[in-house]
Protein backbone atom coordinates (compact mmCIF):
# COMPACT_ATOMS: atom_id res chain seq x y z
CA UNK A 1 1.94 -24.36 -52.53
CA UNK A 2 -0.91 -22.03 -51.75
CA UNK A 3 -4.11 -23.33 -50.21
CA UNK A 4 -7.18 -21.10 -50.47
CA UNK A 5 -9.28 -21.08 -47.33
CA UNK A 6 -12.86 -20.09 -46.69
CA UNK A 7 -13.18 -17.19 -44.29
CA UNK A 8 -16.43 -17.36 -42.37
CA UNK A 9 -17.94 -14.12 -41.20
CA UNK A 10 -20.50 -14.64 -38.44
CA UNK A 11 -22.96 -11.85 -37.84
CA UNK A 12 -25.34 -12.03 -34.91
CA UNK A 13 -28.67 -10.43 -35.78
CA UNK A 14 -31.82 -10.37 -33.69
CA UNK A 15 -35.17 -9.74 -35.35
CA UNK A 16 -38.84 -10.25 -34.52
CA UNK A 17 -40.31 -9.94 -37.99
CA UNK A 18 -38.89 -10.37 -41.46
CA UNK A 19 -40.04 -8.02 -44.21
CA UNK A 20 -40.75 -10.23 -47.21
CA UNK A 21 -43.46 -9.62 -49.83
CA UNK A 22 -45.17 -13.02 -49.89
CA UNK A 23 -44.11 -14.64 -46.62
CA UNK A 24 -45.79 -14.09 -43.27
CA UNK A 25 -43.58 -15.29 -40.43
CA UNK A 26 -44.98 -15.93 -36.94
CA UNK A 27 -42.43 -16.63 -34.21
CA UNK A 28 -43.49 -19.03 -31.44
CA UNK A 29 -41.06 -17.73 -28.83
CA UNK A 30 -43.22 -17.16 -25.75
CA UNK A 31 -46.08 -18.85 -23.88
CA UNK A 32 -44.30 -22.22 -23.60
CA UNK A 33 -44.38 -24.62 -20.65
CA UNK A 34 -41.85 -27.27 -19.62
CA UNK A 35 -42.95 -30.49 -17.96
CA UNK A 36 -41.21 -33.62 -16.70
CA UNK A 37 -42.53 -36.39 -18.93
CA UNK A 38 -42.57 -39.25 -16.39
CA UNK A 39 -45.20 -37.66 -14.14
CA UNK A 40 -46.26 -34.62 -16.20
CA UNK A 41 -45.14 -32.29 -13.39
CA UNK A 42 -44.88 -28.63 -14.34
CA UNK A 43 -41.41 -27.07 -14.16
CA UNK A 44 -42.25 -23.67 -15.66
CA UNK A 45 -45.14 -22.04 -17.52
CA UNK A 46 -43.11 -18.99 -18.63
CA UNK A 47 -40.53 -20.56 -20.92
CA UNK A 48 -39.02 -18.44 -23.68
CA UNK A 49 -37.51 -20.00 -26.80
CA UNK A 50 -34.56 -20.61 -27.16
CA UNK A 51 -34.53 -22.82 -24.06
CA UNK A 52 -32.56 -25.63 -22.45
CA UNK A 53 -33.86 -27.93 -19.75
CA UNK A 54 -30.96 -27.18 -17.40
CA UNK A 55 -31.59 -23.43 -17.57
CA UNK A 56 -35.29 -23.85 -16.79
CA UNK A 57 -34.39 -26.03 -13.79
CA UNK A 58 -31.95 -23.51 -12.28
CA UNK A 59 -34.48 -22.19 -9.70
CA UNK A 60 -34.91 -25.73 -8.34
CA UNK A 61 -31.43 -27.29 -8.47
CA UNK A 62 -27.97 -26.58 -7.12
CA UNK A 63 -26.10 -24.41 -9.58
CA UNK A 64 -24.09 -26.74 -11.85
CA UNK A 65 -21.07 -24.39 -12.01
CA UNK A 66 -20.50 -24.40 -8.24
CA UNK A 67 -18.38 -26.95 -6.37
CA UNK A 68 -19.05 -30.51 -7.62
CA UNK A 69 -22.78 -29.97 -8.17
CA UNK A 70 -22.68 -31.23 -11.74
CA UNK A 71 -22.17 -34.77 -10.38
CA UNK A 72 -25.55 -34.70 -8.64
CA UNK A 73 -27.36 -33.34 -11.71
CA UNK A 74 -26.73 -36.17 -14.17
CA UNK A 75 -30.29 -37.42 -13.59
CA UNK A 76 -31.58 -34.57 -15.76
CA UNK A 77 -30.18 -36.17 -18.91
CA UNK A 78 -31.74 -39.51 -17.98
CA UNK A 79 -35.28 -38.06 -18.10
CA UNK A 80 -37.62 -37.15 -20.97
CA UNK A 81 -39.06 -33.62 -21.06
CA UNK A 82 -42.06 -31.97 -22.72
CA UNK A 83 -42.27 -28.45 -24.15
CA UNK A 84 -45.81 -27.38 -24.93
CA UNK A 85 -47.51 -24.24 -26.17
CA UNK A 86 -50.81 -23.00 -27.61
CA UNK A 87 -51.10 -20.41 -30.35
CA UNK A 88 -53.83 -18.81 -32.44
CA UNK A 89 -53.98 -18.08 -36.17
CA UNK A 90 -56.32 -15.70 -37.94
CA UNK A 91 -58.51 -16.82 -40.83
CA UNK A 92 -56.47 -14.87 -43.38
CA UNK A 93 -53.31 -16.76 -42.45
CA UNK A 94 -55.12 -20.09 -42.63
CA UNK A 95 -56.16 -19.37 -46.24
CA UNK A 96 -52.51 -19.30 -47.40
CA UNK A 97 -51.59 -22.06 -49.83
CA UNK A 98 -48.65 -23.25 -47.71
CA UNK A 99 -47.90 -23.04 -43.98
CA UNK A 100 -44.57 -24.47 -42.85
CA UNK A 101 -43.48 -25.06 -39.25
CA UNK A 102 -39.75 -24.48 -38.76
CA UNK A 103 -37.50 -25.60 -35.91
CA UNK A 104 -34.06 -24.10 -36.50
CA UNK A 105 -32.55 -26.30 -33.79
CA UNK A 106 -33.83 -29.09 -31.51
CA UNK A 107 -31.43 -30.75 -29.07
CA UNK A 108 -31.71 -33.56 -30.05
CA UNK A 109 -34.07 -36.57 -30.12
CA UNK A 110 -37.67 -35.36 -30.14
CA UNK A 111 -41.21 -36.20 -31.21
CA UNK A 112 -43.31 -33.23 -32.33
CA UNK A 113 -47.10 -33.34 -32.19
CA UNK A 114 -49.48 -30.69 -33.55
CA UNK A 115 -53.19 -30.86 -32.67
CA UNK A 116 -52.92 -34.58 -32.02
CA UNK A 117 -50.94 -35.37 -35.19
CA UNK A 118 -47.34 -36.56 -35.00
CA UNK A 119 -45.62 -34.41 -37.61
CA UNK A 120 -41.89 -34.84 -37.03
CA UNK A 121 -39.16 -36.94 -35.40
CA UNK A 122 -35.85 -35.11 -34.93
CA UNK A 123 -32.48 -36.77 -34.37
CA UNK A 124 -29.88 -34.07 -35.13
CA UNK A 125 -29.31 -30.87 -33.17
CA UNK A 126 -27.56 -29.16 -36.09
CA UNK A 127 -30.36 -29.39 -38.67
CA UNK A 128 -33.16 -26.98 -39.50
CA UNK A 129 -36.36 -29.03 -39.42
CA UNK A 130 -39.23 -27.86 -41.65
CA UNK A 131 -42.60 -29.52 -42.25
CA UNK A 132 -45.75 -28.39 -44.09
CA UNK A 133 -48.49 -28.33 -41.45
CA UNK A 134 -51.33 -26.55 -43.24
CA UNK A 135 -53.55 -29.67 -43.16
CA UNK A 136 -53.29 -29.87 -39.35
CA UNK A 137 -53.77 -26.22 -38.36
CA UNK A 138 -56.85 -24.59 -36.85
CA UNK A 139 -57.61 -21.18 -35.36
CA UNK A 140 -56.54 -22.51 -31.93
CA UNK A 141 -53.57 -24.89 -31.88
CA UNK A 142 -51.62 -27.07 -29.44
CA UNK A 143 -47.97 -27.95 -30.07
CA UNK A 144 -46.05 -30.58 -28.06
CA UNK A 145 -42.33 -31.29 -28.30
CA UNK A 146 -41.23 -34.36 -26.33
CA UNK A 147 -37.46 -34.32 -25.85
CA UNK A 148 -36.08 -37.81 -25.27
CA UNK A 149 -33.04 -38.75 -23.21
CA UNK A 150 -30.06 -39.25 -25.52
CA UNK A 151 -28.51 -41.77 -23.13
CA UNK A 152 -31.07 -44.51 -23.70
CA UNK A 153 -31.04 -44.05 -27.47
CA UNK A 154 -27.24 -44.05 -27.57
CA UNK A 155 -27.16 -47.23 -25.49
CA UNK A 156 -29.57 -48.98 -27.88
CA UNK A 157 -27.45 -47.97 -30.87
CA UNK A 158 -24.29 -49.21 -29.15
CA UNK A 159 -25.76 -52.66 -28.50
CA UNK A 160 -26.45 -53.06 -32.22
CA UNK A 161 -22.79 -52.48 -33.01
CA UNK A 162 -20.54 -55.59 -32.85
CA UNK A 163 -17.55 -53.53 -31.67
CA UNK A 164 -16.92 -50.55 -29.40
CA UNK A 165 -16.26 -47.19 -31.02
CA UNK A 166 -13.82 -44.61 -29.59
CA UNK A 167 -15.19 -41.66 -27.61
CA UNK A 168 -17.89 -43.80 -25.98
CA UNK A 169 -21.59 -43.66 -26.81
CA UNK A 170 -21.49 -39.92 -27.56
CA UNK A 171 -20.30 -40.90 -31.04
CA UNK A 172 -23.87 -41.95 -31.93
CA UNK A 173 -25.50 -38.56 -31.39
CA UNK A 174 -25.28 -35.44 -33.57
CA UNK A 175 -25.26 -32.77 -30.90
CA UNK A 176 -22.75 -30.41 -29.27
CA UNK A 177 -20.01 -32.69 -27.94
CA UNK A 178 -18.89 -30.33 -25.16
CA UNK A 179 -22.10 -31.25 -23.34
CA UNK A 180 -20.52 -34.62 -22.50
CA UNK A 181 -17.60 -32.78 -20.85
CA UNK A 182 -14.38 -31.50 -22.46
CA UNK A 183 -10.76 -30.97 -21.52
CA UNK A 184 -10.88 -27.16 -21.66
CA UNK A 185 -13.07 -27.20 -18.58
CA UNK A 186 -16.47 -27.91 -20.06
CA UNK A 187 -18.66 -29.54 -17.40
CA UNK A 188 -20.70 -32.64 -18.13
CA UNK A 189 -24.11 -31.01 -18.63
CA UNK A 190 -25.69 -33.01 -21.42
CA UNK A 191 -28.69 -30.75 -21.76
CA UNK A 192 -31.70 -30.88 -24.09
CA UNK A 193 -34.18 -28.37 -25.43
CA UNK A 194 -35.27 -26.11 -28.27
CA UNK A 195 -32.06 -24.17 -28.71
CA UNK A 196 -32.97 -22.07 -31.77
CA UNK A 197 -36.08 -20.17 -32.94
CA UNK A 198 -39.41 -21.81 -33.80
CA UNK A 199 -41.70 -20.14 -36.32
CA UNK A 200 -44.46 -20.60 -38.89
CA UNK A 201 -44.12 -19.36 -42.46
CA UNK A 202 -47.35 -18.83 -44.40
CA UNK A 203 -47.17 -18.09 -48.12
CA UNK A 204 -48.83 -18.59 -51.49
CA UNK A 205 -47.25 -20.26 -54.53
CA UNK A 206 -43.58 -20.58 -53.41
CA UNK A 207 -40.82 -18.80 -51.51
CA UNK A 208 -37.05 -18.53 -51.40
CA UNK A 209 -35.76 -21.05 -48.86
CA UNK A 210 -32.11 -20.07 -48.91
CA UNK A 211 -29.53 -17.85 -50.62
CA UNK A 212 -25.77 -18.41 -50.44
CA UNK A 213 -23.30 -15.95 -51.97
CA UNK A 214 -20.20 -17.74 -53.22
CA UNK A 215 -17.09 -15.73 -54.02
CA UNK A 216 -15.31 -17.16 -57.08
CA UNK A 217 -12.40 -14.76 -57.55
CA UNK A 218 -11.34 -11.11 -57.52
CA UNK A 219 -9.39 -9.86 -60.55
CA UNK A 220 -8.54 -6.33 -61.70
CA UNK A 221 -10.70 -4.83 -58.91
CA UNK A 222 -13.75 -6.85 -60.07
CA UNK A 223 -15.36 -9.50 -57.88
CA UNK A 224 -16.91 -12.53 -59.60
CA UNK A 225 -19.72 -14.00 -57.47
CA UNK A 226 -22.38 -16.70 -57.64
CA UNK A 227 -25.74 -16.50 -55.88
CA UNK A 228 -26.95 -20.03 -55.13
CA UNK A 229 -30.74 -19.90 -54.69
CA UNK A 230 -32.93 -22.64 -53.21
CA UNK A 231 -36.70 -22.41 -53.70
CA UNK A 232 -39.31 -24.09 -51.52
CA UNK A 233 -40.35 -26.50 -54.28
CA UNK A 234 -39.53 -27.47 -57.85
CA UNK A 235 -40.73 -25.08 -60.59
CA UNK A 236 -41.21 -25.25 -64.36
CA UNK A 237 -42.67 -21.85 -65.19
CA UNK A 238 -40.90 -18.69 -66.38
CA UNK A 239 -39.47 -16.71 -63.46
CA UNK A 240 -37.68 -13.35 -63.35
CA UNK A 241 -34.64 -12.93 -61.09
CA UNK A 242 -32.93 -9.74 -59.93
CA UNK A 243 -29.90 -9.01 -57.82
CA UNK A 244 -29.42 -5.70 -56.04
CA UNK A 245 -26.16 -4.62 -54.43
CA UNK A 246 -26.39 -1.73 -51.96
CA UNK A 247 -29.90 -1.03 -53.36
CA UNK A 248 -28.64 -0.72 -56.97
CA UNK A 249 -29.73 -3.22 -59.65
CA UNK A 250 -26.70 -5.26 -60.77
CA UNK A 251 -28.28 -8.15 -62.66
CA UNK A 252 -31.65 -9.41 -63.94
CA UNK A 253 -32.75 -12.26 -66.17
CA UNK A 254 -35.75 -14.40 -67.12
CA UNK A 255 -35.24 -18.10 -66.55
CA UNK A 256 -37.43 -21.09 -67.38
CA UNK A 257 -36.02 -24.50 -66.44
CA UNK A 258 -36.20 -27.36 -68.92
CA UNK A 259 -37.24 -29.72 -66.11
CA UNK A 260 -38.56 -29.28 -62.59
CA UNK A 261 -35.92 -27.44 -60.58
CA UNK A 262 -35.78 -25.88 -57.13
CA UNK A 263 -32.16 -24.68 -57.27
CA UNK A 264 -30.76 -21.93 -59.47
CA UNK A 265 -27.43 -20.13 -59.79
CA UNK A 266 -26.88 -16.50 -60.77
CA UNK A 267 -23.40 -15.34 -61.80
CA UNK A 268 -22.73 -11.63 -61.39
CA UNK A 269 -19.88 -9.17 -60.89
CA UNK A 270 -19.16 -6.18 -58.67
CA UNK A 271 -16.73 -3.76 -60.40
CA UNK A 272 -14.41 -1.47 -58.41
CA UNK A 273 -15.01 -3.75 -55.47
CA UNK A 274 -14.46 -2.50 -51.94
CA UNK A 275 -12.65 -5.29 -50.10
CA UNK A 276 -13.18 -6.57 -46.58
CA UNK A 277 -10.13 -6.27 -44.31
CA UNK A 278 -9.30 -7.35 -40.75
CA UNK A 279 -9.97 -4.44 -38.39
CA UNK A 280 -6.29 -3.71 -37.71
CA UNK A 281 -5.46 -3.29 -41.42
CA UNK A 282 -8.48 -1.64 -43.02
CA UNK A 283 -12.27 -1.46 -43.00
CA UNK A 284 -14.23 -4.73 -42.65
CA UNK A 285 -16.61 -3.54 -45.38
CA UNK A 286 -19.86 -5.46 -45.98
CA UNK A 287 -22.09 -5.32 -49.05
CA UNK A 288 -25.90 -5.47 -48.79
CA UNK A 289 -27.13 -7.99 -51.37
CA UNK A 290 -30.79 -8.66 -52.18
CA UNK A 291 -32.13 -11.47 -54.37
CA UNK A 292 -35.64 -11.01 -55.81
CA UNK A 293 -37.80 -13.44 -57.78
CA UNK A 294 -40.98 -12.49 -59.68
CA UNK A 295 -43.63 -14.36 -61.61
CA UNK A 296 -45.83 -12.78 -64.29
CA UNK A 297 -44.74 -9.31 -63.19
CA UNK A 298 -45.52 -9.90 -59.50
CA UNK A 299 -42.80 -9.99 -56.85
CA UNK A 300 -43.06 -13.39 -55.14
CA UNK A 301 -40.21 -13.25 -52.63
CA UNK A 302 -36.89 -11.64 -51.76
CA UNK A 303 -34.05 -12.22 -49.34
CA UNK A 304 -31.41 -9.82 -48.06
CA UNK A 305 -27.99 -10.66 -46.67
CA UNK A 306 -24.60 -9.12 -45.99
CA UNK A 307 -21.29 -10.36 -47.35
CA UNK A 308 -17.66 -9.29 -47.33
CA UNK A 309 -15.49 -9.62 -50.46
CA UNK A 310 -11.97 -10.83 -49.65
CA UNK A 311 -9.40 -13.53 -50.35
CA UNK A 312 -7.48 -15.40 -47.68
CA UNK A 313 -4.63 -17.80 -48.32
CA UNK A 314 -2.45 -20.03 -46.19
CA UNK A 315 0.99 -19.85 -47.81
CA UNK A 316 3.13 -23.02 -47.55
CA UNK A 317 6.28 -22.54 -49.61
CA UNK A 318 9.88 -23.79 -49.21
CA UNK A 319 12.15 -21.32 -47.39
CA UNK A 320 15.51 -21.35 -45.60
CA UNK A 321 13.91 -22.87 -42.48
CA UNK A 322 11.84 -25.54 -44.24
CA UNK A 323 8.30 -24.56 -45.21
CA UNK A 324 6.55 -21.24 -44.60
CA UNK A 325 3.26 -20.99 -42.73
CA UNK A 326 1.58 -17.60 -42.88
CA UNK A 327 -1.63 -15.99 -44.11
CA UNK A 328 -2.32 -13.49 -46.84
CA UNK A 329 -5.51 -11.44 -46.87
CA UNK A 330 -6.27 -9.82 -50.23
CA UNK A 331 -2.72 -10.81 -51.26
CA UNK A 332 -1.19 -8.92 -48.32
CA UNK A 333 0.79 -10.90 -45.68
CA UNK A 334 -0.91 -10.50 -42.30
CA UNK A 335 0.45 -11.43 -38.89
CA UNK A 336 -2.43 -13.33 -37.28
CA UNK A 337 -3.14 -12.85 -33.57
CA UNK A 338 -6.06 -14.65 -32.03
CA UNK A 339 -7.58 -17.24 -29.75
CA UNK A 340 -9.71 -20.36 -29.63
CA UNK A 341 -13.41 -19.43 -29.30
CA UNK A 342 -15.27 -21.97 -27.16
CA UNK A 343 -18.92 -21.89 -25.98
CA UNK A 344 -19.59 -18.97 -23.67
CA UNK A 345 -21.95 -21.03 -21.53
CA UNK A 346 -22.94 -24.69 -21.25
CA UNK A 347 -26.53 -23.45 -21.33
CA UNK A 348 -26.48 -21.69 -24.69
CA UNK A 349 -29.81 -19.93 -24.10
CA UNK A 350 -28.18 -17.86 -21.34
CA UNK A 351 -25.86 -16.20 -23.88
CA UNK A 352 -27.34 -12.91 -25.13
CA UNK A 353 -26.41 -10.51 -27.91
CA UNK A 354 -24.80 -8.30 -25.27
CA UNK A 355 -22.50 -11.17 -24.27
CA UNK A 356 -21.39 -11.68 -27.88
CA UNK A 357 -20.83 -7.96 -28.41
CA UNK A 358 -18.82 -7.64 -25.19
CA UNK A 359 -16.60 -10.60 -26.04
CA UNK A 360 -15.95 -9.48 -29.63
CA UNK A 361 -15.25 -5.92 -28.44
CA UNK A 362 -12.70 -7.31 -25.98
CA UNK A 363 -11.14 -9.36 -28.78
CA UNK A 364 -10.71 -6.21 -30.86
CA UNK A 365 -9.34 -4.20 -27.93
CA UNK A 366 -6.79 -6.98 -27.34
CA UNK A 367 -5.57 -6.43 -30.92
CA UNK A 368 -6.64 -9.87 -32.08
CA UNK A 369 -7.59 -10.28 -35.74
CA UNK A 370 -8.54 -13.99 -35.93
CA UNK A 371 -10.74 -16.36 -33.94
CA UNK A 372 -10.70 -20.14 -34.35
CA UNK A 373 -14.26 -21.29 -33.74
CA UNK A 374 -14.03 -24.57 -31.82
CA UNK A 375 -15.98 -27.11 -33.83
CA UNK A 376 -17.80 -29.51 -31.50
CA UNK A 377 -20.40 -26.99 -30.46
CA UNK A 378 -23.56 -25.07 -31.34
CA UNK A 379 -23.36 -22.14 -33.73
């Protein structure tokens, strides 16, 4: 029996501005303050996003990684905390038809208020939260994010349950589970914060929300792929789609849905495909793919991404010892050498691109060709 597996390629990219024809993106990454909610005392007025409460408190507390200091720092999780910022928008931006506020990651329970209007309640650290805020924006704006203690909320949920669940109250919260402590040495630092970027997207008409490239199969040196496209809202008009691969046009088509749709699939092929290989066998080649959508001859939006074309199989077949267990990459048996990748820091905002690059370089130098990404964590 052969079981096809999905190989996930994670690429860490840092960018300040995205070049898209119809979408203006404004990152709200600086000029934040952190306050203790109970008495509104200021902790820091120079917070950079991403941020965790524990990291911002480091100048004022005993370091949690030294001795048994983590035991004396559990009070931090029992408190509520406020992130606040002010930002300005020009009149041209305010005239856009849509302005969406995006939180790529909030840890975890939070109330978000913009110019006195409560716009969002978050309850999952793994979701991207997006809300249309055009009606609430002005030239000068105030944004408040009140992060609530997960312990109190978990306790309330537990009392509503007639029986006790395994793993304790942590089972009620969708956040990184290592923060509650873990057996590979993870300290109990159940932190909170805005752990991914925050930004505004201003645009007219509509935009591309997401593109996912699905690999269907590779046969006779030709890769069969599907681009799964998600638009910002449902459309009924005639739209023109294009796909470029390495800056060359590979596919284009007019499409008009019979009913309101915001999702669309494009099937296309790459002939004479150059495959992705683990570094110790061949080149880990990546294609540049761009999806473009136009309306009435005008380019509305586009998104670019990188993808590797490859197959990976776990081969379980009867043999003289019982059942085989080995991997094939692009139909070639590969001896896998690797490790379990766990969080590099309990305070994720302290991990920089340099840290990732150093670790992955060390992995390569150690002749590893596979990493198992431990699951109960941030990504």
